[in-house]
Amino acid sequence: MSGRVKLVLATRNAKKVPEMQAVLAAAGVEADVVGLDAYPQAPEVAETEPTFTGNALLKARAVAAHTGLPAVADDSGLRVDALNGMPGVLSARWSGRFGDATGDKDLANLHLVLDQLADTPDGRRGAEFVAAAALVVPGGVETAVEGVMRGRIIRERRGGNGFGYDPVFVPEGETRTTAEMEPEEKNAISHRGKAFRALAEEIRELG
């Protein structure tokens, strides 16, 4: 088969849609990617699974069933070595109700991790971003993949790009945080970029 693929990315984060579109375009996959803003009645899916892959599959299945279109979902987070792999799947909710009260949950999450690492020496601040991405085709296949980006946590925020923990994460081989990189630079090495690229061939086959 050949043709342009239409698929739904199971997110209301507006920054993730162009990120995936760019990754697919770079892989030569012709696709029209829309987010859940195009489907305001789509269900909110609680991330109740203990793994990134489990949560990605939960969301992709629900959105594929609602829209009748192939759906891609991801779940990602930060695993910090000195915190025994946490925040992990709790990365977006690490600051709990305190984060809700601040009005900027991303910033509250970031500051909590920095506070927890305040006494950790620079040589033990290793961390990794992990992303699981899942593709679910209504009545068809389910595919799940994972991407990892190793690095370290610095002590102060730098950069205005990206989101979440990007301003304090420096990838291996870099001196800049992922928030100091241009989007295409980050996509080339990021955990989410790796996971989406791993799905690219599966998505191409849908055309």
C-alpha atoms as a PDB file:
ATOM      1  CA  MET A   1       0.000   0.000   0.000  1.00  0.00           C
ATOM      2  CA  SER A   2       1.068   3.576  -0.449  1.00  0.00           C
ATOM      3  CA  GLY A   3      -0.456   6.832   0.683  1.00  0.00           C
ATOM      4  CA  ARG A   4      -0.498   9.363   3.417  1.00  0.00           C
ATOM      5  CA  VAL A   5      -1.195   8.008   6.870  1.00  0.00           C
ATOM      6  CA  LYS A   6      -3.525   9.779   9.279  1.00  0.00           C
ATOM      7  CA  LEU A   7      -3.026   9.015  12.916  1.00  0.00           C
ATOM      8  CA  VAL A   8      -3.896  10.443  16.291  1.00  0.00           C
ATOM      9  CA  LEU A   9      -1.289  11.196  18.903  1.00  0.00           C
ATOM     10  CA  ALA A  10      -2.894  10.587  22.278  1.00  0.00           C
ATOM     11  CA  THR A  11      -1.876  13.838  23.930  1.00  0.00           C
ATOM     12  CA  ARG A  12      -3.166  17.318  24.625  1.00  0.00           C
ATOM     13  CA  ASN A  13       0.406  18.583  24.913  1.00  0.00           C
ATOM     14  CA  ALA A  14       0.643  20.805  21.841  1.00  0.00           C
ATOM     15  CA  LYS A  15       4.448  20.542  21.777  1.00  0.00           C
ATOM     16  CA  LYS A  16       4.434  16.787  21.182  1.00  0.00           C
ATOM     17  CA  VAL A  17       2.491  16.841  17.882  1.00  0.00           C
ATOM     18  CA  PRO A  18       5.065  18.795  15.802  1.00  0.00           C
ATOM     19  CA  GLU A  19       7.810  16.802  17.516  1.00  0.00           C
ATOM     20  CA  MET A  20       6.370  13.534  16.234  1.00  0.00           C
ATOM     21  CA  GLN A  21       5.536  15.031  12.829  1.00  0.00           C
ATOM     22  CA  ALA A  22       9.171  16.108  12.464  1.00  0.00           C
ATOM     23  CA  VAL A  23      10.509  12.706  13.499  1.00  0.00           C
ATOM     24  CA  LEU A  24       8.296  10.922  10.961  1.00  0.00           C
ATOM     25  CA  ALA A  25       9.146  13.402   8.199  1.00  0.00           C
ATOM     26  CA  ALA A  26      12.865  12.878   8.840  1.00  0.00           C
ATOM     27  CA  ALA A  27      12.284   9.128   8.493  1.00  0.00           C
ATOM     28  CA  GLY A  28      10.518   9.682   5.169  1.00  0.00           C
ATOM     29  CA  VAL A  29       7.091   8.711   6.491  1.00  0.00           C
ATOM     30  CA  GLU A  30       4.212  10.729   5.049  1.00  0.00           C
ATOM     31  CA  ALA A  31       1.735  11.197   7.870  1.00  0.00           C
ATOM     32  CA  ASP A  32      -0.811  13.682   9.123  1.00  0.00           C
ATOM     33  CA  VAL A  33      -0.570  13.740  12.889  1.00  0.00           C
ATOM     34  CA  VAL A  34      -3.274  15.303  15.018  1.00  0.00           C
ATOM     35  CA  GLY A  35      -3.522  15.544  18.778  1.00  0.00           C
ATOM     36  CA  LEU A  36      -6.488  15.157  21.072  1.00  0.00           C
ATOM     37  CA  ASP A  37      -7.403  18.818  20.633  1.00  0.00           C
ATOM     38  CA  ALA A  38      -9.060  17.575  17.444  1.00  0.00           C
ATOM     39  CA  TYR A  39     -11.130  15.139  19.527  1.00  0.00           C
ATOM     40  CA  PRO A  40     -12.364  17.050  22.577  1.00  0.00           C
ATOM     41  CA  GLN A  41     -14.671  14.188  23.575  1.00  0.00           C
ATOM     42  CA  ALA A  42     -11.836  11.674  23.724  1.00  0.00           C
ATOM     43  CA  PRO A  43     -11.607   9.977  27.119  1.00  0.00           C
ATOM     44  CA  GLU A  44      -9.044  10.959  29.709  1.00  0.00           C
ATOM     45  CA  VAL A  45      -7.090   7.821  30.469  1.00  0.00           C
ATOM     46  CA  ALA A  46      -5.591   7.409  33.918  1.00  0.00           C
ATOM     47  CA  GLU A  47      -1.973   6.225  33.851  1.00  0.00           C
ATOM     48  CA  THR A  48      -2.486   3.360  36.274  1.00  0.00           C
ATOM     49  CA  GLU A  49       0.109   0.905  34.989  1.00  0.00           C
ATOM     50  CA  PRO A  50       3.460   0.448  36.792  1.00  0.00           C
ATOM     51  CA  THR A  51       5.472   0.751  33.561  1.00  0.00           C
ATOM     52  CA  PHE A  52       5.867   3.327  30.797  1.00  0.00           C
ATOM     53  CA  THR A  53       4.932   0.706  28.190  1.00  0.00           C
ATOM     54  CA  GLY A  54       1.766  -0.286  30.041  1.00  0.00           C
ATOM     55  CA  ASN A  55       0.595   3.321  30.265  1.00  0.00           C
ATOM     56  CA  ALA A  56       1.373   4.013  26.595  1.00  0.00           C
ATOM     57  CA  LEU A  57      -0.680   0.999  25.529  1.00  0.00           C
ATOM     58  CA  LEU A  58      -3.591   2.000  27.773  1.00  0.00           C
ATOM     59  CA  LYS A  59      -3.796   5.431  26.148  1.00  0.00           C
ATOM     60  CA  ALA A  60      -3.303   4.257  22.575  1.00  0.00           C
ATOM     61  CA  ARG A  61      -6.001   1.596  22.908  1.00  0.00           C
ATOM     62  CA  ALA A  62      -8.532   4.068  24.297  1.00  0.00           C
ATOM     63  CA  VAL A  63      -7.884   6.689  21.625  1.00  0.00           C
ATOM     64  CA  ALA A  64      -7.908   4.167  18.766  1.00  0.00           C
ATOM     65  CA  ALA A  65     -11.251   2.847  19.999  1.00  0.00           C
ATOM     66  CA  HIS A  66     -12.686   6.381  20.305  1.00  0.00           C
ATOM     67  CA  THR A  67     -11.495   7.746  16.958  1.00  0.00           C
ATOM     68  CA  GLY A  68     -11.428   4.640  14.785  1.00  0.00           C
ATOM     69  CA  LEU A  69      -7.972   5.728  13.602  1.00  0.00           C
ATOM     70  CA  PRO A  70      -4.501   4.386  14.290  1.00  0.00           C
ATOM     71  CA  ALA A  71      -3.331   5.916  17.539  1.00  0.00           C
ATOM     72  CA  VAL A  72       0.093   6.522  18.982  1.00  0.00           C
ATOM     73  CA  ALA A  73       0.623   7.210  22.661  1.00  0.00           C
ATOM     74  CA  ASP A  74       3.717   7.678  24.709  1.00  0.00           C
ATOM     75  CA  ASP A  75       4.544   7.694  28.359  1.00  0.00           C
ATOM     76  CA  SER A  76       7.852   9.069  29.452  1.00  0.00           C
ATOM     77  CA  GLY A  77       9.701  10.203  32.496  1.00  0.00           C
ATOM     78  CA  LEU A  78      12.940  10.735  34.309  1.00  0.00           C
ATOM     79  CA  ARG A  79      14.801   8.018  36.203  1.00  0.00           C
ATOM     80  CA  VAL A  80      17.445   9.368  38.570  1.00  0.00           C
ATOM     81  CA  ASP A  81      20.138   6.953  39.705  1.00  0.00           C
ATOM     82  CA  ALA A  82      20.538   8.474  43.174  1.00  0.00           C
ATOM     83  CA  LEU A  83      16.758   8.292  43.703  1.00  0.00           C
ATOM     84  CA  ASN A  84      16.620   4.563  42.925  1.00  0.00           C
ATOM     85  CA  GLY A  85      15.108   5.188  39.501  1.00  0.00           C
ATOM     86  CA  MET A  86      12.470   7.623  40.660  1.00  0.00           C
ATOM     87  CA  PRO A  87      10.445   9.677  39.752  1.00  0.00           C
ATOM     88  CA  GLY A  88       9.942   7.122  36.953  1.00  0.00           C
ATOM     89  CA  VAL A  89       6.296   6.708  35.958  1.00  0.00           C
ATOM     90  CA  LEU A  90       5.429   9.336  38.578  1.00  0.00           C
ATOM     91  CA  SER A  91       7.529  12.016  36.849  1.00  0.00           C
ATOM     92  CA  ALA A  92       4.568  14.193  35.827  1.00  0.00           C
ATOM     93  CA  ARG A  93       3.026  13.940  39.301  1.00  0.00           C
ATOM     94  CA  TRP A  94       6.144  13.898  41.476  1.00  0.00           C
ATOM     95  CA  SER A  95       5.262  17.012  43.502  1.00  0.00           C
ATOM     96  CA  GLY A  96       1.722  15.760  44.179  1.00  0.00           C
ATOM     97  CA  ARG A  97      -0.847  18.203  45.525  1.00  0.00           C
ATOM     98  CA  PHE A  98       1.834  20.774  46.240  1.00  0.00           C
ATOM     99  CA  GLY A  99       2.504  20.936  42.522  1.00  0.00           C
ATOM    100  CA  ASP A 100      -1.201  21.396  41.825  1.00  0.00           C
ATOM    101  CA  ALA A 101      -1.324  24.302  44.271  1.00  0.00           C
ATOM    102  CA  THR A 102       1.611  26.136  42.686  1.00  0.00           C
ATOM    103  CA  GLY A 103      -0.092  26.465  39.307  1.00  0.00           C
ATOM    104  CA  ASP A 104       3.075  25.236  37.549  1.00  0.00           C
ATOM    105  CA  LYS A 105       3.372  21.534  38.137  1.00  0.00           C
ATOM    106  CA  ASP A 106       6.338  21.061  35.792  1.00  0.00           C
ATOM    107  CA  LEU A 107       8.349  23.614  37.733  1.00  0.00           C
ATOM    108  CA  ALA A 108       7.295  22.163  41.080  1.00  0.00           C
ATOM    109  CA  ASN A 109       8.334  18.668  39.954  1.00  0.00           C
ATOM    110  CA  LEU A 110      11.703  19.954  38.752  1.00  0.00           C
ATOM    111  CA  HIS A 111      12.437  21.839  41.954  1.00  0.00           C
ATOM    112  CA  LEU A 112      11.513  18.844  44.091  1.00  0.00           C
ATOM    113  CA  VAL A 113      14.044  16.664  42.240  1.00  0.00           C
ATOM    114  CA  LEU A 114      16.704  19.363  42.633  1.00  0.00           C
ATOM    115  CA  ASP A 115      15.955  19.609  46.348  1.00  0.00           C
ATOM    116  CA  GLN A 116      16.184  15.836  46.724  1.00  0.00           C
ATOM    117  CA  LEU A 117      19.593  15.859  45.002  1.00  0.00           C
ATOM    118  CA  ALA A 118      20.935  18.908  46.829  1.00  0.00           C
ATOM    119  CA  ASP A 119      23.519  16.897  48.797  1.00  0.00           C
ATOM    120  CA  THR A 120      24.361  14.490  45.963  1.00  0.00           C
ATOM    121  CA  PRO A 121      27.857  15.083  44.510  1.00  0.00           C
ATOM    122  CA  ASP A 122      28.203  15.854  40.817  1.00  0.00           C
ATOM    123  CA  GLY A 123      29.698  12.432  40.103  1.00  0.00           C
ATOM    124  CA  ARG A 124      26.555  10.649  41.294  1.00  0.00           C
ATOM    125  CA  ARG A 125      23.897  12.706  39.514  1.00  0.00           C
ATOM    126  CA  GLY A 126      23.415  10.295  36.616  1.00  0.00           C
ATOM    127  CA  ALA A 127      19.931   9.995  35.165  1.00  0.00           C
ATOM    128  CA  GLU A 128      18.047   8.963  32.071  1.00  0.00           C
ATOM    129  CA  PHE A 129      14.951   9.996  30.223  1.00  0.00           C
ATOM    130  CA  VAL A 130      12.856   6.993  29.156  1.00  0.00           C
ATOM    131  CA  ALA A 131       9.987   6.958  26.687  1.00  0.00           C
ATOM    132  CA  ALA A 132       7.699   4.131  25.676  1.00  0.00           C
ATOM    133  CA  ALA A 133       5.650   4.623  22.517  1.00  0.00           C
ATOM    134  CA  ALA A 134       2.761   2.427  21.458  1.00  0.00           C
ATOM    135  CA  LEU A 135       0.927   2.150  18.145  1.00  0.00           C
ATOM    136  CA  VAL A 136      -2.549   0.627  18.164  1.00  0.00           C
ATOM    137  CA  VAL A 137      -4.471   0.030  14.942  1.00  0.00           C
ATOM    138  CA  PRO A 138      -8.228  -0.526  15.419  1.00  0.00           C
ATOM    139  CA  GLY A 139      -8.859  -4.215  14.846  1.00  0.00           C
ATOM    140  CA  GLY A 140      -5.195  -4.710  14.072  1.00  0.00           C
ATOM    141  CA  VAL A 141      -1.749  -4.829  15.545  1.00  0.00           C
ATOM    142  CA  GLU A 142      -0.353  -3.350  18.717  1.00  0.00           C
ATOM    143  CA  THR A 143       3.313  -2.377  18.828  1.00  0.00           C
ATOM    144  CA  ALA A 144       5.268  -0.937  21.746  1.00  0.00           C
ATOM    145  CA  VAL A 145       8.882   0.277  21.770  1.00  0.00           C
ATOM    146  CA  GLU A 146      11.156   2.106  24.189  1.00  0.00           C
ATOM    147  CA  GLY A 147      13.831   4.801  23.846  1.00  0.00           C
ATOM    148  CA  VAL A 148      16.400   5.934  26.423  1.00  0.00           C
ATOM    149  CA  MET A 149      18.602   9.037  26.677  1.00  0.00           C
ATOM    150  CA  ARG A 150      21.327   8.937  29.323  1.00  0.00           C
ATOM    151  CA  GLY A 151      22.719  12.047  30.994  1.00  0.00           C
ATOM    152  CA  ARG A 152      23.032  13.870  34.283  1.00  0.00           C
ATOM    153  CA  ILE A 153      21.124  16.351  36.417  1.00  0.00           C
ATOM    154  CA  ILE A 154      22.709  19.765  36.917  1.00  0.00           C
ATOM    155  CA  ARG A 155      22.045  22.055  39.869  1.00  0.00           C
ATOM    156  CA  GLU A 156      20.313  25.032  38.226  1.00  0.00           C
ATOM    157  CA  ARG A 157      17.907  25.485  35.336  1.00  0.00           C
ATOM    158  CA  ARG A 158      19.283  26.485  31.944  1.00  0.00           C
ATOM    159  CA  GLY A 159      17.455  27.097  28.674  1.00  0.00           C
ATOM    160  CA  GLY A 160      13.964  28.024  27.587  1.00  0.00           C
ATOM    161  CA  ASN A 161      13.084  25.260  25.132  1.00  0.00           C
ATOM    162  CA  GLY A 162      11.486  21.907  25.845  1.00  0.00           C
ATOM    163  CA  PHE A 163       9.377  21.177  28.909  1.00  0.00           C
ATOM    164  CA  GLY A 164       9.335  19.172  32.101  1.00  0.00           C
ATOM    165  CA  TYR A 165      12.805  18.354  33.395  1.00  0.00           C
ATOM    166  CA  ASP A 166      14.604  19.523  30.224  1.00  0.00           C
ATOM    167  CA  PRO A 167      16.196  22.625  31.859  1.00  0.00           C
ATOM    168  CA  VAL A 168      18.237  20.499  34.301  1.00  0.00           C
ATOM    169  CA  PHE A 169      19.131  17.500  32.099  1.00  0.00           C
ATOM    170  CA  VAL A 170      22.429  17.386  30.194  1.00  0.00           C
ATOM    171  CA  PRO A 171      22.684  14.400  27.802  1.00  0.00           C
ATOM    172  CA  GLU A 172      25.836  12.300  27.603  1.00  0.00           C
ATOM    173  CA  GLY A 173      28.392  13.928  25.310  1.00  0.00           C
ATOM    174  CA  GLU A 174      26.771  17.353  25.675  1.00  0.00           C
ATOM    175  CA  THR A 175      27.429  20.471  27.733  1.00  0.00           C
ATOM    176  CA  ARG A 176      23.993  21.947  27.058  1.00  0.00           C
ATOM    177  CA  THR A 177      20.724  20.985  28.663  1.00  0.00           C
ATOM    178  CA  THR A 178      17.987  19.660  26.413  1.00  0.00           C
ATOM    179  CA  ALA A 179      16.214  22.967  27.045  1.00  0.00           C
ATOM    180  CA  GLU A 180      19.155  24.781  25.425  1.00  0.00           C
ATOM    181  CA  MET A 181      18.967  22.710  22.231  1.00  0.00           C
ATOM    182  CA  GLU A 182      16.993  23.468  19.114  1.00  0.00           C
ATOM    183  CA  PRO A 183      14.043  21.096  18.669  1.00  0.00           C
ATOM    184  CA  GLU A 184      15.648  19.224  15.767  1.00  0.00           C
ATOM    185  CA  GLU A 185      18.835  18.699  17.794  1.00  0.00           C
ATOM    186  CA  LYS A 186      16.901  17.324  20.728  1.00  0.00           C
ATOM    187  CA  ASN A 187      14.763  15.084  18.495  1.00  0.00           C
ATOM    188  CA  ALA A 188      17.904  13.512  17.040  1.00  0.00           C
ATOM    189  CA  ILE A 189      19.027  12.147  20.420  1.00  0.00           C
ATOM    190  CA  SER A 190      15.972  12.215  22.669  1.00  0.00           C
ATOM    191  CA  HIS A 191      14.262   9.261  24.271  1.00  0.00           C
ATOM    192  CA  ARG A 192      10.957  10.174  22.631  1.00  0.00           C
ATOM    193  CA  GLY A 193      12.615  10.710  19.260  1.00  0.00           C
ATOM    194  CA  LYS A 194      14.229   7.266  19.503  1.00  0.00           C
ATOM    195  CA  ALA A 195      10.913   5.652  20.419  1.00  0.00           C
ATOM    196  CA  PHE A 196       8.970   7.430  17.667  1.00  0.00           C
ATOM    197  CA  ARG A 197      11.651   6.546  15.088  1.00  0.00           C
ATOM    198  CA  ALA A 198      11.378   2.916  16.161  1.00  0.00           C
ATOM    199  CA  LEU A 199       7.657   3.093  15.304  1.00  0.00           C
ATOM    200  CA  ALA A 200       8.233   4.825  11.967  1.00  0.00           C
ATOM    201  CA  GLU A 201       8.439   1.638   9.887  1.00  0.00           C
ATOM    202  CA  GLU A 202       5.265   0.276  11.472  1.00  0.00           C
ATOM    203  CA  ILE A 203       3.498   3.558  10.685  1.00  0.00           C
ATOM    204  CA  ARG A 204       4.819   3.546   7.112  1.00  0.00           C
ATOM    205  CA  GLU A 205       3.142   0.157   6.555  1.00  0.00           C
ATOM    206  CA  LEU A 206      -0.246   1.735   7.318  1.00  0.00           C
ATOM    207  CA  GLY A 207      -0.081   3.886   4.166  1.00  0.00           C
END
